[in-house]
C-alpha atoms as a PDB file:
ATOM      1  CA  MET A   1      71.302  17.763 -16.924  1.00  0.00           C
ATOM      2  CA  SER A   2      70.278  18.680 -13.319  1.00  0.00           C
ATOM      3  CA  CYS A   3      66.984  19.148 -11.414  1.00  0.00           C
ATOM      4  CA  GLU A   4      66.438  22.021 -11.913  1.00  0.00           C
ATOM      5  CA  PHE A   5      66.838  22.415 -15.704  1.00  0.00           C
ATOM      6  CA  VAL A   6      63.700  20.272 -15.635  1.00  0.00           C
ATOM      7  CA  TYR A   7      61.835  22.987 -13.344  1.00  0.00           C
ATOM      8  CA  GLU A   8      62.737  25.645 -15.484  1.00  0.00           C
ATOM      9  CA  HIS A   9      62.088  23.565 -19.000  1.00  0.00           C
ATOM     10  CA  MET A  10      58.357  24.041 -16.983  1.00  0.00           C
ATOM     11  CA  ASP A  11      58.413  27.001 -16.254  1.00  0.00           C
ATOM     12  CA  ALA A  12      59.241  27.572 -19.505  1.00  0.00           C
ATOM     13  CA  ALA A  13      55.737  25.227 -20.733  1.00  0.00           C
ATOM     14  CA  SER A  14      53.665  27.675 -17.836  1.00  0.00           C
ATOM     15  CA  ALA A  15      54.790  31.164 -19.198  1.00  0.00           C
ATOM     16  CA  ALA A  16      53.250  29.918 -22.396  1.00  0.00           C
ATOM     17  CA  SER A  17      50.291  28.632 -20.532  1.00  0.00           C
ATOM     18  CA  SER A  18      48.302  32.322 -20.996  1.00  0.00           C
ATOM     19  CA  SER A  19      48.814  32.262 -24.249  1.00  0.00           C
ATOM     20  CA  THR A  20      46.842  28.606 -25.401  1.00  0.00           C
ATOM     21  CA  LYS A  21      44.154  29.206 -22.637  1.00  0.00           C
ATOM     22  CA  GLY A  22      41.744  29.181 -25.446  1.00  0.00           C
ATOM     23  CA  VAL A  23      42.864  27.061 -27.294  1.00  0.00           C
ATOM     24  CA  MET A  24      42.485  24.829 -24.537  1.00  0.00           C
ATOM     25  CA  GLU A  25      39.874  24.831 -23.480  1.00  0.00           C
ATOM     26  CA  ASN A  26      38.642  23.295 -27.867  1.00  0.00           C
ATOM     27  CA  VAL A  27      40.389  20.809 -27.333  1.00  0.00           C
ATOM     28  CA  GLU A  28      39.481  17.521 -26.469  1.00  0.00           C
ATOM     29  CA  GLN A  29      40.346  16.148 -23.572  1.00  0.00           C
ATOM     30  CA  PRO A  30      44.127  14.032 -23.076  1.00  0.00           C
ATOM     31  CA  HIS A  31      43.828  10.695 -22.247  1.00  0.00           C
ATOM     32  CA  VAL A  32      46.064   9.853 -19.384  1.00  0.00           C
ATOM     33  CA  LEU A  33      47.861   6.632 -18.153  1.00  0.00           C
ATOM     34  CA  ALA A  34      48.663   6.838 -14.795  1.00  0.00           C
ATOM     35  CA  VAL A  35      51.021   4.306 -13.284  1.00  0.00           C
ATOM     36  CA  ASP A  36      51.412   3.880  -9.865  1.00  0.00           C
ATOM     37  CA  ASP A  37      51.998   1.489  -7.684  1.00  0.00           C
ATOM     38  CA  ASN A  38      51.111   2.956  -4.960  1.00  0.00           C
ATOM     39  CA  LEU A  39      47.381   3.772  -3.914  1.00  0.00           C
ATOM     40  CA  ILE A  40      47.348   6.448  -2.545  1.00  0.00           C
ATOM     41  CA  ASP A  41      49.127   8.481  -4.519  1.00  0.00           C
ATOM     42  CA  ARG A  42      47.865   6.482  -8.138  1.00  0.00           C
ATOM     43  CA  LYS A  43      44.641   7.981  -6.757  1.00  0.00           C
ATOM     44  CA  LEU A  44      46.401  11.006  -5.984  1.00  0.00           C
ATOM     45  CA  ILE A  45      47.659  11.458  -9.253  1.00  0.00           C
ATOM     46  CA  GLU A  46      44.061  10.785 -11.149  1.00  0.00           C
ATOM     47  CA  GLN A  47      42.411  13.163  -8.961  1.00  0.00           C
ATOM     48  CA  LEU A  48      44.713  16.097  -9.921  1.00  0.00           C
ATOM     49  CA  LEU A  49      44.379  15.078 -12.947  1.00  0.00           C
ATOM     50  CA  ILE A  50      40.964  14.112 -13.469  1.00  0.00           C
ATOM     51  CA  ASN A  51      40.681  18.693 -11.753  1.00  0.00           C
ATOM     52  CA  SER A  52      42.383  19.167 -15.490  1.00  0.00           C
ATOM     53  CA  SER A  53      40.373  18.266 -17.463  1.00  0.00           C
ATOM     54  CA  CYS A  54      41.519  14.569 -18.501  1.00  0.00           C
ATOM     55  CA  LYS A  55      40.691  11.240 -19.307  1.00  0.00           C
ATOM     56  CA  VAL A  56      43.123   9.533 -16.890  1.00  0.00           C
ATOM     57  CA  THR A  57      43.340   5.465 -16.837  1.00  0.00           C
ATOM     58  CA  THR A  58      44.969   4.106 -14.141  1.00  0.00           C
ATOM     59  CA  ALA A  59      47.204   0.560 -13.839  1.00  0.00           C
ATOM     60  CA  GLU A  60      48.948  -0.066 -10.517  1.00  0.00           C
ATOM     61  CA  ASN A  61      51.682  -1.980 -12.987  1.00  0.00           C
ATOM     62  CA  GLY A  62      54.423  -1.649 -15.175  1.00  0.00           C
ATOM     63  CA  ARG A  63      53.013  -5.122 -16.589  1.00  0.00           C
ATOM     64  CA  ARG A  64      49.087  -3.741 -16.750  1.00  0.00           C
ATOM     65  CA  ALA A  65      50.440  -0.374 -18.046  1.00  0.00           C
ATOM     66  CA  LEU A  66      52.124  -2.469 -20.983  1.00  0.00           C
ATOM     67  CA  GLU A  67      49.014  -4.923 -21.067  1.00  0.00           C
ATOM     68  CA  PHE A  68      46.314  -1.524 -21.271  1.00  0.00           C
ATOM     69  CA  LEU A  69      48.881   0.328 -24.598  1.00  0.00           C
ATOM     70  CA  GLY A  70      48.364  -3.397 -26.048  1.00  0.00           C
ATOM     71  CA  LEU A  71      52.254  -4.162 -25.870  1.00  0.00           C
ATOM     72  CA  GLY A  72      52.199  -7.017 -22.939  1.00  0.00           C
ATOM     73  CA  ASP A  73      54.450 -10.175 -23.505  1.00  0.00           C
ATOM     74  CA  ASP A  74      51.402 -12.438 -24.190  1.00  0.00           C
ATOM     75  CA  GLN A  75      49.541  -9.880 -26.665  1.00  0.00           C
ATOM     76  CA  ASN A  76      49.376  -9.216 -30.447  1.00  0.00           C
ATOM     77  CA  ASN A  77      50.038  -6.049 -31.872  1.00  0.00           C
ATOM     78  CA  THR A  78      46.854  -5.974 -34.124  1.00  0.00           C
ATOM     79  CA  LEU A  79      45.990  -2.507 -35.648  1.00  0.00           C
ATOM     80  CA  GLU A  80      44.250  -1.652 -33.149  1.00  0.00           C
ATOM     81  CA  SER A  81      46.947  -2.350 -30.784  1.00  0.00           C
ATOM     82  CA  ARG A  82      49.224   0.308 -32.621  1.00  0.00           C
ATOM     83  CA  VAL A  83      46.803   3.146 -32.365  1.00  0.00           C
ATOM     84  CA  SER A  84      47.899   5.027 -29.490  1.00  0.00           C
ATOM     85  CA  LYS A  85      45.556   4.305 -26.927  1.00  0.00           C
ATOM     86  CA  VAL A  86      46.818   7.631 -24.521  1.00  0.00           C
ATOM     87  CA  ASN A  87      48.000  11.100 -24.566  1.00  0.00           C
ATOM     88  CA  LEU A  88      50.284  11.312 -21.903  1.00  0.00           C
ATOM     89  CA  ILE A  89      51.939   8.503 -19.523  1.00  0.00           C
ATOM     90  CA  ILE A  90      52.577   9.506 -16.561  1.00  0.00           C
ATOM     91  CA  THR A  91      54.663   6.335 -14.218  1.00  0.00           C
ATOM     92  CA  ASP A  92      56.593   6.342 -10.312  1.00  0.00           C
ATOM     93  CA  TYR A  93      59.912   5.428 -11.136  1.00  0.00           C
ATOM     94  CA  CYS A  94      60.296   3.392  -8.416  1.00  0.00           C
ATOM     95  CA  MET A  95      57.920   0.289  -8.794  1.00  0.00           C
ATOM     96  CA  PRO A  96      58.126  -3.448  -8.047  1.00  0.00           C
ATOM     97  CA  GLY A  97      58.029  -5.797 -10.288  1.00  0.00           C
ATOM     98  CA  MET A  98      58.847  -3.243 -13.395  1.00  0.00           C
ATOM     99  CA  THR A  99      60.342  -0.109 -12.981  1.00  0.00           C
ATOM    100  CA  GLY A 100      59.007   2.988 -14.248  1.00  0.00           C
ATOM    101  CA  TYR A 101      62.495   3.489 -16.387  1.00  0.00           C
ATOM    102  CA  GLU A 102      61.992  -0.153 -17.455  1.00  0.00           C
ATOM    103  CA  LEU A 103      58.189   0.648 -18.654  1.00  0.00           C
ATOM    104  CA  LEU A 104      59.828   3.687 -20.336  1.00  0.00           C
ATOM    105  CA  LYS A 105      62.589   1.224 -22.505  1.00  0.00           C
ATOM    106  CA  ARG A 106      59.715  -1.137 -22.848  1.00  0.00           C
ATOM    107  CA  ILE A 107      57.213   1.746 -24.196  1.00  0.00           C
ATOM    108  CA  LYS A 108      59.999   4.202 -26.553  1.00  0.00           C
ATOM    109  CA  GLN A 109      61.750   0.235 -28.040  1.00  0.00           C
ATOM    110  CA  GLU A 110      58.714  -1.828 -29.153  1.00  0.00           C
ATOM    111  CA  SER A 111      56.034   0.765 -30.307  1.00  0.00           C
ATOM    112  CA  SER A 112      56.754   2.914 -32.858  1.00  0.00           C
ATOM    113  CA  VAL A 113      53.333   4.656 -32.192  1.00  0.00           C
ATOM    114  CA  MET A 114      54.057   4.453 -28.216  1.00  0.00           C
ATOM    115  CA  LYS A 115      57.030   5.305 -29.095  1.00  0.00           C
ATOM    116  CA  GLU A 116      55.488   9.623 -29.704  1.00  0.00           C
ATOM    117  CA  VAL A 117      53.645   9.399 -26.796  1.00  0.00           C
ATOM    118  CA  PRO A 118      55.399  12.059 -23.628  1.00  0.00           C
ATOM    119  CA  VAL A 119      55.868   9.861 -21.213  1.00  0.00           C
ATOM    120  CA  VAL A 120      56.816  11.572 -17.807  1.00  0.00           C
ATOM    121  CA  ILE A 121      58.463   9.948 -14.944  1.00  0.00           C
ATOM    122  CA  VAL A 122      57.710  10.653 -10.919  1.00  0.00           C
ATOM    123  CA  SER A 123      59.711   9.552  -7.745  1.00  0.00           C
ATOM    124  CA  SER A 124      59.374  10.970  -4.237  1.00  0.00           C
ATOM    125  CA  GLU A 125      63.624  10.271  -4.190  1.00  0.00           C
ATOM    126  CA  ASN A 126      66.121  12.974  -6.038  1.00  0.00           C
ATOM    127  CA  VAL A 127      68.933  11.200  -7.323  1.00  0.00           C
ATOM    128  CA  PRO A 128      70.597  12.996 -10.544  1.00  0.00           C
ATOM    129  CA  THR A 129      71.526  10.403 -11.335  1.00  0.00           C
ATOM    130  CA  ARG A 130      68.114   8.275 -12.709  1.00  0.00           C
ATOM    131  CA  ILE A 131      67.264  11.830 -14.051  1.00  0.00           C
ATOM    132  CA  ASN A 132      70.112  11.651 -16.626  1.00  0.00           C
ATOM    133  CA  LYS A 133      69.060   8.265 -17.018  1.00  0.00           C
ATOM    134  CA  CYS A 134      65.056   8.574 -18.015  1.00  0.00           C
ATOM    135  CA  LEU A 135      65.605  12.195 -19.667  1.00  0.00           C
ATOM    136  CA  GLU A 136      67.863   9.969 -21.830  1.00  0.00           C
ATOM    137  CA  GLU A 137      65.770   7.433 -22.813  1.00  0.00           C
ATOM    138  CA  GLY A 138      63.188   9.371 -23.941  1.00  0.00           C
ATOM    139  CA  ALA A 139      61.407  10.465 -20.547  1.00  0.00           C
ATOM    140  CA  GLN A 140      59.515  14.209 -21.216  1.00  0.00           C
ATOM    141  CA  MET A 141      59.806  15.410 -18.028  1.00  0.00           C
ATOM    142  CA  PHE A 142      61.314  13.940 -14.498  1.00  0.00           C
ATOM    143  CA  MET A 143      59.227  15.423 -11.212  1.00  0.00           C
ATOM    144  CA  LEU A 144      59.586  14.978  -7.853  1.00  0.00           C
ATOM    145  CA  LYS A 145      56.675  13.679  -6.408  1.00  0.00           C
ATOM    146  CA  PRO A 146      53.851  15.268  -3.939  1.00  0.00           C
ATOM    147  CA  LEU A 147      52.639  16.302  -7.748  1.00  0.00           C
ATOM    148  CA  LYS A 148      50.588  19.770  -6.895  1.00  0.00           C
ATOM    149  CA  GLN A 149      47.478  20.787  -8.903  1.00  0.00           C
ATOM    150  CA  SER A 150      49.839  24.182 -10.569  1.00  0.00           C
ATOM    151  CA  ASP A 151      52.359  20.604 -11.647  1.00  0.00           C
ATOM    152  CA  VAL A 152      49.319  18.375 -13.770  1.00  0.00           C
ATOM    153  CA  LYS A 153      48.408  22.283 -15.145  1.00  0.00           C
ATOM    154  CA  LYS A 154      52.064  22.048 -16.538  1.00  0.00           C
ATOM    155  CA  LEU A 155      51.991  19.450 -17.831  1.00  0.00           C
ATOM    156  CA  ARG A 156      48.147  19.442 -19.267  1.00  0.00           C
ATOM    157  CA  CYS A 157      50.061  22.870 -20.913  1.00  0.00           C
ATOM    158  CA  GLN A 158      52.891  20.930 -22.677  1.00  0.00           C
ATOM    159  CA  LEU A 159      51.080  18.402 -23.867  1.00  0.00           C
ATOM    160  CA  MET A 160      48.734  20.842 -25.476  1.00  0.00           C
ATOM    161  CA  ASN A 161      51.312  22.738 -26.994  1.00  0.00           C
ATOM    162  CA  SER A 162      53.091  19.555 -28.599  1.00  0.00           C
END
């Protein structure tokens, strides 16, 4: 699967957006967890999501993201933590300590509830083997940085359609 296929898939979601515009206005504000070790990239993603009427929680690394999701090493899986807190997770691929790929694997393997939450991997590097690896592990999409408002609108439309 090449990067071009990923963008074609996104374009299909974009094409459907005009028919769902009225529906999206009545839908509850989606909650997105944005994970990036770079403060500037994290703030950019946060602002783009806010501009698209999303509620945003940010985390500076995979460990903090897992803690927020109730999947941290020192946390018990209580009933509250088994309820999904977010509708979408966007994570950078290259982060110290835990890569976005490792975060994706933990989310998909450790929680039946979180397994259903779409995870989007973003990276400034277009490496086909990396893209394929993430998609095979369960990533909803792989997107190249820097993200633009049009990318976030496509994500939001896809989220509303799923």
